Amino acid sequence: MPGRGAWLTPTVEAYELAVKRKAFRRALRLEREPDTSAVLDHLRSLPDVGPNHAAQDVAEERPDTTEQAERLMDN
């Protein structure tokens, strides 16, 4: 099966840039541009959140591990 998958930041801006750069075709190793209209429809249906929303969610779910990482590096 051709291709290896394509990762995309879930914003319309990122989608438009990927289309402009023909990134879907390259990432999926296709001969021509795929129909990505369903991806755009999905992105438009997502709630509009601020740019830091995802980073805040991760920080709230996972405690800061910097101190733990530093201890492991010292050993």
Protein backbone atom coordinates (compact mmCIF):
# COMPACT_ATOMS: atom_id res chain seq x y z
CA MET A 1 0.00 0.00 0.00
CA PRO A 2 1.50 3.36 -0.99
CA GLY A 3 2.08 6.18 1.45
CA ARG A 4 2.84 6.43 5.11
CA GLY A 5 0.17 8.77 6.42
CA ALA A 6 -0.09 12.52 6.73
CA TRP A 7 -0.15 14.51 9.96
CA LEU A 8 -1.86 17.89 10.03
CA THR A 9 -2.31 20.54 12.68
CA PRO A 10 -6.11 20.75 13.04
CA THR A 11 -6.57 24.26 11.63
CA VAL A 12 -7.93 25.51 8.33
CA GLU A 13 -4.76 27.58 7.89
CA ALA A 14 -2.54 24.50 8.17
CA TYR A 15 -4.81 22.65 5.74
CA GLU A 16 -4.61 25.46 3.18
CA LEU A 17 -0.82 25.55 3.47
CA ALA A 18 -0.61 21.77 3.03
CA VAL A 19 -2.76 21.97 -0.11
CA LYS A 20 -0.68 24.86 -1.47
CA ARG A 21 2.55 22.90 -0.89
CA LYS A 22 1.03 19.66 -2.25
CA ALA A 23 1.99 18.05 1.06
CA PHE A 24 -0.82 15.46 1.04
CA ARG A 25 0.32 14.04 -2.29
CA ARG A 26 3.94 13.95 -1.20
CA ALA A 27 3.26 12.48 2.26
CA LEU A 28 0.93 9.82 0.88
CA ARG A 29 3.21 9.15 -2.12
CA LEU A 30 0.45 9.59 -4.66
CA GLU A 31 0.70 10.40 -8.37
CA ARG A 32 -1.96 13.15 -8.15
CA GLU A 33 -3.61 15.32 -5.55
CA PRO A 34 -6.08 13.41 -3.34
CA ASP A 35 -9.59 14.68 -2.63
CA THR A 36 -9.19 16.22 0.81
CA SER A 37 -12.54 18.02 0.94
CA ALA A 38 -13.70 15.79 3.82
CA VAL A 39 -10.67 16.92 5.84
CA LEU A 40 -11.56 20.56 5.24
CA ASP A 41 -15.19 19.93 6.19
CA HIS A 42 -14.06 18.28 9.43
CA LEU A 43 -11.70 21.14 10.30
CA ARG A 44 -14.46 23.69 9.70
CA SER A 45 -16.75 21.76 12.06
CA LEU A 46 -14.28 21.92 14.95
CA PRO A 47 -14.85 24.54 17.64
CA ASP A 48 -12.72 27.63 17.26
CA VAL A 49 -10.20 27.67 20.11
CA GLY A 50 -7.27 29.90 20.86
CA PRO A 51 -3.72 28.96 19.81
CA ASN A 52 -2.69 28.04 23.38
CA HIS A 53 -5.72 25.85 24.09
CA ALA A 54 -4.02 22.55 23.22
CA ALA A 55 -0.89 23.40 25.19
CA GLN A 56 -2.97 24.28 28.24
CA ASP A 57 -4.89 21.00 28.05
CA VAL A 58 -1.67 19.00 27.99
CA ALA A 59 -0.25 20.95 30.92
CA GLU A 60 -3.37 20.32 32.97
CA GLU A 61 -3.42 16.59 32.20
CA ARG A 62 0.26 15.95 32.89
CA PRO A 63 2.30 17.31 35.79
CA ASP A 64 5.58 19.06 35.13
CA THR A 65 8.27 16.40 34.72
CA THR A 66 11.28 18.70 34.35
CA GLU A 67 12.60 17.94 37.83
CA GLN A 68 12.18 14.21 37.31
CA ALA A 69 13.97 14.37 33.94
CA GLU A 70 16.87 16.30 35.49
CA ARG A 71 17.25 13.67 38.22
CA LEU A 72 17.37 10.91 35.64
CA MET A 73 19.98 12.77 33.60
CA ASP A 74 22.18 13.18 36.70
CA ASN A 75 22.34 9.40 37.22
